[in-house]
Amino acid sequence: MRKQIGIVLLALVAVGAIGVYLNSAPTLVSDGTDFSVEIHVSMWHYRDGILLDYSHHAGVLTTLGANWIEDQMGDSPATDPAKGIAVSNDATSPQASWETIPAEIVTNGLSRAPGTYASTGDGTWTITKSFSVTGTQSCQLTGLYWAVSGDFLLCADTFTQVNAEDGDTLEIEWSLSVT
């Protein structure tokens, strides 16, 4: 029975970690709060099919775990390009339900492109892209994707609208941390 409880606990922790990884992405939409990861573990103790004990506790994200999440969300595997950064001139406030940013710009040197990943500490990293503008383009919205192509929006945010002209550089940097 202990082995079964251990397996159940291990499965719950694994499912929780996967859930944190897969379900935390929408919380990255900027609402003025910091991103955090919640980890919980529950235990049910049964004997002869009767529930004898239950407990639920907040788990502890280890430094190793935070660095693994950073690696997965930042630049893993190392042969992949860093994640994609895109811009738009849409004035819509970012929504957790988005899979892409609306009206993503695909011209004037502002097409979605891989960013440069840099670790800035345990569980903290940046992804940066400098766009070389080749025309006249206004923009005020950016999205960070976990892939360079496809509907894989990790987070989105607005910035003060800029009216970029040919020859300008637009640098977008996303700073992320798992705490």
N, C-alpha and C. Protein backbone atom coordinates (compact mmCIF):
# COMPACT_ATOMS: atom_id res chain seq x y z
N MET A 1 0.82 -1.19 0.00
CA MET A 1 0.00 0.00 0.00
C MET A 1 0.87 1.26 0.00
N ARG A 2 1.98 1.27 0.76
CA ARG A 2 2.87 2.43 0.77
C ARG A 2 3.42 2.71 -0.61
N LYS A 3 3.78 1.64 -1.31
CA LYS A 3 4.31 1.81 -2.66
C LYS A 3 3.25 2.49 -3.54
N GLN A 4 1.98 2.09 -3.41
CA GLN A 4 0.91 2.69 -4.19
C GLN A 4 0.73 4.16 -3.82
N ILE A 5 0.80 4.48 -2.54
CA ILE A 5 0.68 5.88 -2.11
C ILE A 5 1.84 6.69 -2.67
N GLY A 6 3.06 6.12 -2.60
CA GLY A 6 4.22 6.80 -3.16
C GLY A 6 4.07 7.05 -4.64
N ILE A 7 3.57 6.07 -5.35
CA ILE A 7 3.35 6.23 -6.79
C ILE A 7 2.30 7.29 -7.05
N VAL A 8 1.21 7.28 -6.27
CA VAL A 8 0.17 8.30 -6.42
C VAL A 8 0.75 9.69 -6.14
N LEU A 9 1.53 9.82 -5.05
CA LEU A 9 2.14 11.12 -4.74
C LEU A 9 3.07 11.56 -5.85
N LEU A 10 3.90 10.65 -6.35
CA LEU A 10 4.81 10.98 -7.44
C LEU A 10 4.03 11.41 -8.67
N ALA A 11 2.96 10.70 -8.99
CA ALA A 11 2.13 11.06 -10.14
C ALA A 11 1.50 12.42 -9.95
N LEU A 12 1.01 12.69 -8.73
CA LEU A 12 0.40 14.00 -8.47
C LEU A 12 1.42 15.13 -8.62
N VAL A 13 2.63 14.91 -8.11
CA VAL A 13 3.66 15.93 -8.25
C VAL A 13 4.01 16.13 -9.71
N ALA A 14 4.16 15.04 -10.46
CA ALA A 14 4.49 15.14 -11.89
C ALA A 14 3.38 15.85 -12.64
N VAL A 15 2.13 15.47 -12.39
CA VAL A 15 1.00 16.13 -13.05
C VAL A 15 0.95 17.59 -12.65
N GLY A 16 1.20 17.88 -11.38
CA GLY A 16 1.22 19.28 -10.92
C GLY A 16 2.29 20.08 -11.61
N ALA A 17 3.48 19.51 -11.76
CA ALA A 17 4.58 20.21 -12.43
C ALA A 17 4.24 20.45 -13.89
N ILE A 18 3.68 19.44 -14.55
CA ILE A 18 3.27 19.62 -15.95
C ILE A 18 2.17 20.65 -16.03
N GLY A 19 1.21 20.60 -15.10
CA GLY A 19 0.13 21.59 -15.09
C GLY A 19 0.64 22.99 -14.88
N VAL A 20 1.62 23.13 -14.00
CA VAL A 20 2.23 24.44 -13.78
C VAL A 20 2.85 24.92 -15.07
N TYR A 21 3.61 24.04 -15.75
CA TYR A 21 4.28 24.42 -16.98
C TYR A 21 3.28 24.78 -18.07
N LEU A 22 2.25 23.94 -18.25
CA LEU A 22 1.32 24.17 -19.34
C LEU A 22 0.27 25.23 -19.02
N ASN A 23 -0.15 25.33 -17.79
CA ASN A 23 -1.26 26.21 -17.46
C ASN A 23 -0.82 27.57 -16.93
N SER A 24 0.45 27.75 -16.66
CA SER A 24 0.86 29.04 -16.12
C SER A 24 1.04 30.08 -17.20
N ALA A 25 1.19 29.66 -18.44
CA ALA A 25 1.46 30.61 -19.50
C ALA A 25 0.45 31.76 -19.56
N PRO A 26 -0.88 31.49 -19.49
CA PRO A 26 -1.81 32.61 -19.57
C PRO A 26 -1.64 33.63 -18.45
N THR A 27 -1.11 33.24 -17.29
CA THR A 27 -0.96 34.21 -16.22
C THR A 27 0.15 35.20 -16.50
N LEU A 28 0.90 34.99 -17.57
CA LEU A 28 1.98 35.91 -17.90
C LEU A 28 1.46 37.16 -18.59
N VAL A 29 0.20 37.16 -19.00
CA VAL A 29 -0.35 38.36 -19.60
C VAL A 29 -0.26 39.48 -18.57
N SER A 30 0.31 40.58 -18.99
CA SER A 30 0.61 41.65 -18.04
C SER A 30 -0.65 42.25 -17.44
N ASP A 31 -0.76 42.19 -16.14
CA ASP A 31 -1.84 42.86 -15.43
C ASP A 31 -1.26 43.65 -14.26
N GLY A 32 0.05 43.90 -14.31
CA GLY A 32 0.69 44.67 -13.26
C GLY A 32 1.18 43.81 -12.10
N THR A 33 1.03 42.50 -12.20
CA THR A 33 1.50 41.62 -11.14
C THR A 33 2.68 40.82 -11.62
N ASP A 34 3.43 40.28 -10.69
CA ASP A 34 4.56 39.44 -11.03
C ASP A 34 4.09 38.03 -11.33
N PHE A 35 4.84 37.34 -12.15
CA PHE A 35 4.57 35.95 -12.47
C PHE A 35 5.07 35.07 -11.33
N SER A 36 4.32 34.09 -10.96
CA SER A 36 4.76 33.14 -9.95
C SER A 36 4.24 31.77 -10.33
N VAL A 37 4.82 30.77 -9.74
CA VAL A 37 4.40 29.40 -9.97
C VAL A 37 3.83 28.87 -8.66
N GLU A 38 2.66 28.28 -8.73
CA GLU A 38 2.08 27.65 -7.54
C GLU A 38 2.22 26.15 -7.67
N ILE A 39 2.71 25.53 -6.64
CA ILE A 39 2.86 24.08 -6.61
C ILE A 39 2.14 23.57 -5.37
N HIS A 40 1.30 22.59 -5.55
CA HIS A 40 0.57 22.00 -4.44
C HIS A 40 0.67 20.49 -4.53
N VAL A 41 0.63 19.85 -3.40
CA VAL A 41 0.62 18.40 -3.37
C VAL A 41 -0.49 17.95 -2.42
N SER A 42 -1.22 16.94 -2.86
CA SER A 42 -2.29 16.36 -2.03
C SER A 42 -1.97 14.89 -1.79
N MET A 43 -2.37 14.39 -0.62
CA MET A 43 -2.14 13.00 -0.26
C MET A 43 -3.44 12.43 0.29
N TRP A 44 -3.81 11.26 -0.23
CA TRP A 44 -4.95 10.53 0.28
C TRP A 44 -4.44 9.19 0.79
N HIS A 45 -4.78 8.82 2.01
CA HIS A 45 -4.35 7.55 2.61
C HIS A 45 -5.58 6.67 2.77
N TYR A 46 -5.56 5.53 2.07
CA TYR A 46 -6.68 4.59 2.11
C TYR A 46 -6.22 3.28 2.73
N ARG A 47 -7.12 2.63 3.43
CA ARG A 47 -6.92 1.25 3.89
C ARG A 47 -8.23 0.52 3.64
N ASP A 48 -8.10 -0.57 2.91
CA ASP A 48 -9.28 -1.37 2.57
C ASP A 48 -10.36 -0.51 1.92
N GLY A 49 -9.94 0.45 1.09
CA GLY A 49 -10.88 1.28 0.37
C GLY A 49 -11.48 2.41 1.18
N ILE A 50 -11.07 2.58 2.44
CA ILE A 50 -11.62 3.62 3.31
C ILE A 50 -10.58 4.71 3.47
N LEU A 51 -11.00 5.94 3.27
CA LEU A 51 -10.10 7.08 3.41
C LEU A 51 -9.78 7.30 4.88
N LEU A 52 -8.49 7.18 5.23
CA LEU A 52 -8.07 7.38 6.61
C LEU A 52 -7.49 8.77 6.84
N ASP A 53 -6.87 9.33 5.83
CA ASP A 53 -6.21 10.61 6.03
C ASP A 53 -6.09 11.34 4.69
N TYR A 54 -6.15 12.65 4.76
CA TYR A 54 -5.97 13.50 3.58
C TYR A 54 -5.19 14.71 4.04
N SER A 55 -4.25 15.15 3.21
CA SER A 55 -3.58 16.42 3.48
C SER A 55 -3.27 17.11 2.16
N HIS A 56 -3.19 18.42 2.23
CA HIS A 56 -2.91 19.25 1.06
C HIS A 56 -1.97 20.36 1.51
N HIS A 57 -0.87 20.51 0.80
CA HIS A 57 0.12 21.51 1.19
C HIS A 57 0.70 22.18 -0.04
N ALA A 58 1.16 23.41 0.17
CA ALA A 58 1.91 24.08 -0.88
C ALA A 58 3.28 23.44 -0.95
N GLY A 59 3.74 23.16 -2.16
CA GLY A 59 5.06 22.58 -2.36
C GLY A 59 6.10 23.68 -2.46
N VAL A 60 7.34 23.27 -2.53
CA VAL A 60 8.46 24.20 -2.65
C VAL A 60 9.09 24.02 -4.01
N LEU A 61 9.18 25.10 -4.77
CA LEU A 61 9.88 25.09 -6.04
C LEU A 61 11.37 25.20 -5.74
N THR A 62 12.12 24.19 -6.12
CA THR A 62 13.56 24.21 -5.86
C THR A 62 14.28 25.08 -6.88
N THR A 63 15.49 25.46 -6.57
CA THR A 63 16.31 26.21 -7.52
C THR A 63 16.50 25.39 -8.78
N LEU A 64 16.76 24.10 -8.63
CA LEU A 64 16.91 23.22 -9.78
C LEU A 64 15.63 23.22 -10.62
N GLY A 65 14.49 23.16 -9.96
CA GLY A 65 13.21 23.19 -10.67
C GLY A 65 12.98 24.50 -11.39
N ALA A 66 13.29 25.62 -10.75
CA ALA A 66 13.14 26.93 -11.37
C ALA A 66 14.04 27.04 -12.60
N ASN A 67 15.26 26.50 -12.49
CA ASN A 67 16.18 26.55 -13.63
C ASN A 67 15.72 25.64 -14.77
N TRP A 68 15.06 24.51 -14.43
CA TRP A 68 14.51 23.64 -15.46
C TRP A 68 13.38 24.36 -16.21
N ILE A 69 12.49 25.02 -15.46
CA ILE A 69 11.41 25.77 -16.09
C ILE A 69 12.00 26.87 -16.98
N GLU A 70 13.02 27.56 -16.47
CA GLU A 70 13.69 28.58 -17.28
C GLU A 70 14.22 27.97 -18.57
N ASP A 71 14.86 26.82 -18.46
CA ASP A 71 15.42 26.17 -19.64
C ASP A 71 14.32 25.79 -20.63
N GLN A 72 13.21 25.26 -20.14
CA GLN A 72 12.11 24.86 -21.01
C GLN A 72 11.46 26.06 -21.68
N MET A 73 11.26 27.12 -20.93
CA MET A 73 10.56 28.29 -21.45
C MET A 73 11.50 29.27 -22.13
N GLY A 74 12.79 29.16 -21.85
CA GLY A 74 13.73 30.12 -22.39
C GLY A 74 14.44 29.65 -23.62
N ASP A 75 15.15 28.53 -23.55
CA ASP A 75 15.98 28.13 -24.68
C ASP A 75 16.30 26.65 -24.63
N SER A 76 15.30 25.80 -24.67
CA SER A 76 15.58 24.37 -24.62
C SER A 76 14.93 23.67 -25.80
N PRO A 77 15.54 22.69 -26.41
CA PRO A 77 16.94 22.38 -26.18
C PRO A 77 17.83 23.47 -26.76
N ALA A 78 19.09 23.41 -26.40
CA ALA A 78 20.02 24.47 -26.78
C ALA A 78 20.13 24.66 -28.28
N THR A 79 19.78 23.65 -29.07
CA THR A 79 19.87 23.78 -30.52
C THR A 79 18.69 24.55 -31.11
N ASP A 80 17.62 24.72 -30.34
CA ASP A 80 16.48 25.52 -30.82
C ASP A 80 16.83 26.99 -30.78
N PRO A 81 16.28 27.77 -31.70
CA PRO A 81 16.46 29.21 -31.55
C PRO A 81 15.67 29.67 -30.34
N ALA A 82 16.09 30.78 -29.77
CA ALA A 82 15.33 31.34 -28.66
C ALA A 82 13.92 31.63 -29.15
N LYS A 83 13.03 31.83 -28.27
CA LYS A 83 11.63 31.96 -28.60
C LYS A 83 11.35 33.18 -29.48
N GLY A 84 10.18 33.18 -30.14
CA GLY A 84 9.84 34.22 -31.10
C GLY A 84 9.21 35.44 -30.47
N ILE A 85 9.58 36.61 -30.98
CA ILE A 85 9.01 37.87 -30.54
C ILE A 85 8.32 38.51 -31.75
N ALA A 86 7.10 39.00 -31.53
CA ALA A 86 6.31 39.62 -32.58
C ALA A 86 5.78 40.96 -32.09
N VAL A 87 5.39 41.82 -33.04
CA VAL A 87 4.79 43.11 -32.70
C VAL A 87 3.53 43.34 -33.51
N SER A 88 2.72 44.27 -33.03
CA SER A 88 1.46 44.62 -33.67
C SER A 88 1.15 46.07 -33.33
N ASN A 89 0.28 46.68 -34.11
CA ASN A 89 -0.19 48.02 -33.78
C ASN A 89 -1.59 47.98 -33.19
N ASP A 90 -2.09 46.80 -32.86
CA ASP A 90 -3.41 46.64 -32.27
C ASP A 90 -3.43 47.26 -30.87
N ALA A 91 -4.50 47.95 -30.54
CA ALA A 91 -4.60 48.63 -29.24
C ALA A 91 -5.38 47.81 -28.20
N THR A 92 -5.73 46.58 -28.53
CA THR A 92 -6.47 45.73 -27.61
C THR A 92 -5.61 45.37 -26.40
N SER A 93 -6.21 45.40 -25.22
CA SER A 93 -5.50 44.95 -24.02
C SER A 93 -5.27 43.45 -24.11
N PRO A 94 -4.09 42.97 -23.74
CA PRO A 94 -3.80 41.54 -23.82
C PRO A 94 -4.81 40.70 -23.04
N GLN A 95 -5.13 39.56 -23.60
CA GLN A 95 -6.10 38.65 -23.00
C GLN A 95 -5.44 37.30 -22.76
N ALA A 96 -5.75 36.66 -21.63
CA ALA A 96 -5.19 35.35 -21.31
C ALA A 96 -5.60 34.29 -22.33
N SER A 97 -6.70 34.48 -23.02
CA SER A 97 -7.20 33.49 -23.98
C SER A 97 -6.53 33.57 -25.34
N TRP A 98 -5.70 34.57 -25.58
CA TRP A 98 -5.05 34.72 -26.88
C TRP A 98 -4.11 33.56 -27.17
N GLU A 99 -4.08 33.16 -28.42
CA GLU A 99 -3.08 32.21 -28.91
C GLU A 99 -2.06 32.90 -29.80
N THR A 100 -2.45 34.05 -30.33
CA THR A 100 -1.57 34.93 -31.11
C THR A 100 -1.96 36.36 -30.78
N ILE A 101 -1.06 37.30 -31.05
CA ILE A 101 -1.46 38.69 -30.87
C ILE A 101 -2.25 39.11 -32.11
N PRO A 102 -3.24 39.97 -31.94
CA PRO A 102 -4.04 40.39 -33.09
C PRO A 102 -3.22 41.27 -34.04
N ALA A 103 -3.49 41.09 -35.32
CA ALA A 103 -2.90 41.92 -36.38
C ALA A 103 -1.37 41.96 -36.30
N GLU A 104 -0.77 40.79 -36.12
CA GLU A 104 0.68 40.69 -36.04
C GLU A 104 1.31 41.27 -37.31
N ILE A 105 2.30 42.11 -37.15
CA ILE A 105 2.97 42.74 -38.28
C ILE A 105 3.93 41.75 -38.92
N VAL A 106 3.86 41.64 -40.25
CA VAL A 106 4.72 40.70 -40.98
C VAL A 106 5.51 41.39 -42.09
N THR A 107 5.60 42.72 -42.02
CA THR A 107 6.32 43.49 -43.04
C THR A 107 7.25 44.50 -42.37
N ASN A 108 7.96 45.25 -43.20
CA ASN A 108 8.80 46.37 -42.76
C ASN A 108 9.86 45.97 -41.73
N GLY A 109 10.37 44.73 -41.84
CA GLY A 109 11.41 44.29 -40.93
C GLY A 109 10.92 43.93 -39.54
N LEU A 110 9.60 43.88 -39.36
CA LEU A 110 9.04 43.62 -38.04
C LEU A 110 8.32 42.28 -37.94
N SER A 111 8.62 41.36 -38.83
CA SER A 111 8.03 40.02 -38.75
C SER A 111 8.54 39.29 -37.52
N ARG A 112 7.72 38.39 -37.01
CA ARG A 112 8.12 37.58 -35.85
C ARG A 112 9.47 36.93 -36.12
N ALA A 113 10.33 36.99 -35.11
CA ALA A 113 11.69 36.47 -35.27
C ALA A 113 12.19 35.93 -33.95
N PRO A 114 13.18 35.03 -34.03
CA PRO A 114 13.74 34.50 -32.78
C PRO A 114 14.44 35.59 -31.98
N GLY A 115 14.26 35.52 -30.68
CA GLY A 115 14.95 36.44 -29.79
C GLY A 115 16.22 35.79 -29.26
N THR A 116 17.00 36.57 -28.56
CA THR A 116 18.23 36.07 -27.95
C THR A 116 17.96 35.81 -26.48
N TYR A 117 18.20 34.57 -26.08
CA TYR A 117 17.99 34.14 -24.69
C TYR A 117 19.23 34.44 -23.86
N ALA A 118 19.01 34.91 -22.63
CA ALA A 118 20.12 35.09 -21.68
C ALA A 118 19.63 34.78 -20.28
N SER A 119 20.32 33.89 -19.60
CA SER A 119 20.01 33.61 -18.20
C SER A 119 20.53 34.77 -17.36
N THR A 120 19.70 35.25 -16.44
CA THR A 120 20.11 36.36 -15.57
C THR A 120 20.14 35.95 -14.10
N GLY A 121 20.12 34.64 -13.85
CA GLY A 121 20.15 34.12 -12.49
C GLY A 121 19.32 32.87 -12.39
N ASP A 122 19.17 32.35 -11.20
CA ASP A 122 18.38 31.14 -10.98
C ASP A 122 16.92 31.42 -11.28
N GLY A 123 16.40 30.76 -12.31
CA GLY A 123 14.99 30.89 -12.67
C GLY A 123 14.62 32.25 -13.24
N THR A 124 15.59 33.03 -13.68
CA THR A 124 15.30 34.34 -14.30
C THR A 124 16.05 34.43 -15.62
N TRP A 125 15.41 35.02 -16.61
CA TRP A 125 16.02 35.11 -17.93
C TRP A 125 15.38 36.23 -18.73
N THR A 126 16.04 36.57 -19.83
CA THR A 126 15.50 37.55 -20.77
C THR A 126 15.51 36.94 -22.16
N ILE A 127 14.62 37.42 -22.99
CA ILE A 127 14.62 37.12 -24.41
C ILE A 127 14.47 38.46 -25.12
N THR A 128 15.43 38.77 -25.97
CA THR A 128 15.52 40.10 -26.59
C THR A 128 15.60 39.98 -28.11
N LYS A 129 14.96 40.89 -28.80
CA LYS A 129 15.06 40.97 -30.26
C LYS A 129 15.17 42.44 -30.66
N SER A 130 16.17 42.73 -31.50
CA SER A 130 16.30 44.06 -32.10
C SER A 130 15.82 43.95 -33.55
N PHE A 131 14.75 44.66 -33.84
CA PHE A 131 14.19 44.68 -35.20
C PHE A 131 14.78 45.87 -35.96
N SER A 132 15.19 45.65 -37.19
CA SER A 132 15.65 46.73 -38.06
C SER A 132 14.49 47.11 -38.97
N VAL A 133 13.94 48.28 -38.75
CA VAL A 133 12.75 48.73 -39.46
C VAL A 133 13.14 49.10 -40.90
N THR A 134 12.35 48.61 -41.87
CA THR A 134 12.64 48.86 -43.28
C THR A 134 11.54 49.65 -43.98
N GLY A 135 10.67 50.24 -43.23
CA GLY A 135 9.58 51.04 -43.80
C GLY A 135 9.02 51.92 -42.71
N THR A 136 7.81 52.40 -42.91
CA THR A 136 7.15 53.20 -41.89
C THR A 136 6.10 52.32 -41.24
N GLN A 137 6.16 52.20 -39.92
CA GLN A 137 5.26 51.29 -39.22
C GLN A 137 5.04 51.75 -37.79
N SER A 138 3.79 51.82 -37.38
CA SER A 138 3.45 52.09 -35.98
C SER A 138 3.24 50.75 -35.28
N CYS A 139 3.58 50.69 -34.00
CA CYS A 139 3.31 49.48 -33.22
C CYS A 139 3.20 49.83 -31.75
N GLN A 140 2.44 48.98 -31.02
CA GLN A 140 2.18 49.24 -29.60
C GLN A 140 1.84 47.98 -28.80
N LEU A 141 2.09 46.83 -29.39
CA LEU A 141 1.77 45.56 -28.76
C LEU A 141 2.86 44.56 -29.13
N THR A 142 3.24 43.72 -28.19
CA THR A 142 4.22 42.68 -28.47
C THR A 142 3.77 41.37 -27.86
N GLY A 143 4.25 40.30 -28.47
CA GLY A 143 3.97 38.97 -27.96
C GLY A 143 5.24 38.14 -27.94
N LEU A 144 5.36 37.32 -26.92
CA LEU A 144 6.47 36.37 -26.81
C LEU A 144 5.87 34.98 -27.03
N TYR A 145 6.40 34.28 -28.01
CA TYR A 145 5.92 32.95 -28.38
C TYR A 145 6.93 31.91 -27.97
N TRP A 146 6.48 30.69 -27.62
CA TRP A 146 7.43 29.65 -27.29
C TRP A 146 7.90 28.90 -28.53
N ALA A 147 7.50 29.37 -29.69
CA ALA A 147 8.01 28.87 -30.97
C ALA A 147 8.06 30.05 -31.93
N VAL A 148 8.92 29.98 -32.91
CA VAL A 148 9.06 31.10 -33.84
C VAL A 148 7.89 31.16 -34.81
N SER A 149 7.24 30.03 -35.05
CA SER A 149 6.05 30.05 -35.91
C SER A 149 4.94 29.28 -35.22
N GLY A 150 3.71 29.59 -35.58
CA GLY A 150 2.55 28.90 -35.02
C GLY A 150 1.85 29.71 -33.95
N ASP A 151 0.75 29.17 -33.47
CA ASP A 151 -0.10 29.82 -32.48
C ASP A 151 0.31 29.40 -31.07
N PHE A 152 1.46 29.87 -30.61
CA PHE A 152 2.02 29.46 -29.33
C PHE A 152 2.38 30.66 -28.47
N LEU A 153 1.43 31.56 -28.26
CA LEU A 153 1.67 32.78 -27.50
C LEU A 153 1.87 32.47 -26.02
N LEU A 154 3.02 32.84 -25.50
CA LEU A 154 3.34 32.65 -24.09
C LEU A 154 2.85 33.84 -23.27
N CYS A 155 3.12 35.04 -23.74
CA CYS A 155 2.69 36.24 -23.03
C CYS A 155 2.61 37.41 -24.00
N ALA A 156 1.89 38.44 -23.60
CA ALA A 156 1.70 39.62 -24.44
C ALA A 156 1.63 40.85 -23.56
N ASP A 157 1.99 41.99 -24.13
CA ASP A 157 1.88 43.24 -23.40
C ASP A 157 1.89 44.40 -24.38
N THR A 158 1.36 45.51 -23.92
CA THR A 158 1.37 46.74 -24.71
C THR A 158 2.53 47.63 -24.27
N PHE A 159 2.86 48.57 -25.12
CA PHE A 159 3.84 49.60 -24.79
C PHE A 159 3.38 50.89 -25.45
N THR A 160 4.01 51.98 -25.11
CA THR A 160 3.65 53.27 -25.72
C THR A 160 3.83 53.17 -27.23
N GLN A 161 2.81 53.58 -27.97
CA GLN A 161 2.87 53.47 -29.42
C GLN A 161 4.07 54.22 -29.97
N VAL A 162 4.79 53.56 -30.87
CA VAL A 162 5.91 54.19 -31.57
C VAL A 162 5.58 54.25 -33.04
N ASN A 163 6.07 55.29 -33.69
CA ASN A 163 5.92 55.45 -35.14
C ASN A 163 7.31 55.30 -35.75
N ALA A 164 7.67 54.07 -36.04
CA ALA A 164 9.01 53.76 -36.54
C ALA A 164 9.12 54.10 -38.01
N GLU A 165 10.31 54.56 -38.38
CA GLU A 165 10.59 54.90 -39.78
C GLU A 165 11.74 54.05 -40.29
N ASP A 166 11.88 54.02 -41.60
CA ASP A 166 12.95 53.26 -42.25
C ASP A 166 14.30 53.59 -41.63
N GLY A 167 15.03 52.57 -41.22
CA GLY A 167 16.35 52.75 -40.60
C GLY A 167 16.32 52.75 -39.08
N ASP A 168 15.14 52.85 -38.47
CA ASP A 168 15.04 52.80 -37.01
C ASP A 168 15.28 51.38 -36.50
N THR A 169 15.60 51.27 -35.24
CA THR A 169 15.71 49.99 -34.56
C THR A 169 14.67 49.96 -33.45
N LEU A 170 13.95 48.87 -33.37
CA LEU A 170 12.98 48.65 -32.30
C LEU A 170 13.45 47.44 -31.51
N GLU A 171 13.84 47.65 -30.26
CA GLU A 171 14.32 46.55 -29.42
C GLU A 171 13.25 46.18 -28.40
N ILE A 172 12.91 44.90 -28.38
CA ILE A 172 11.93 44.36 -27.44
C ILE A 172 12.67 43.38 -26.53
N GLU A 173 12.54 43.55 -25.23
CA GLU A 173 13.13 42.61 -24.29
C GLU A 173 12.06 42.14 -23.31
N TRP A 174 11.92 40.83 -23.22
CA TRP A 174 11.05 40.21 -22.24
C TRP A 174 11.91 39.72 -21.09
N SER A 175 11.54 40.07 -19.87
CA SER A 175 12.22 39.60 -18.66
C SER A 175 11.26 38.69 -17.92
N LEU A 176 11.69 37.46 -17.64
CA LEU A 176 10.83 36.48 -17.00
C LEU A 176 11.54 35.89 -15.79
N SER A 177 10.75 35.49 -14.81
CA SER A 177 11.31 34.82 -13.65
C SER A 177 10.29 33.85 -13.08
N VAL A 178 10.79 32.80 -12.51
CA VAL A 178 9.96 31.82 -11.82
C VAL A 178 10.38 31.91 -10.36
N THR A 179 9.48 32.37 -9.50
CA THR A 179 9.82 32.58 -8.09
C THR A 179 8.88 31.81 -7.19
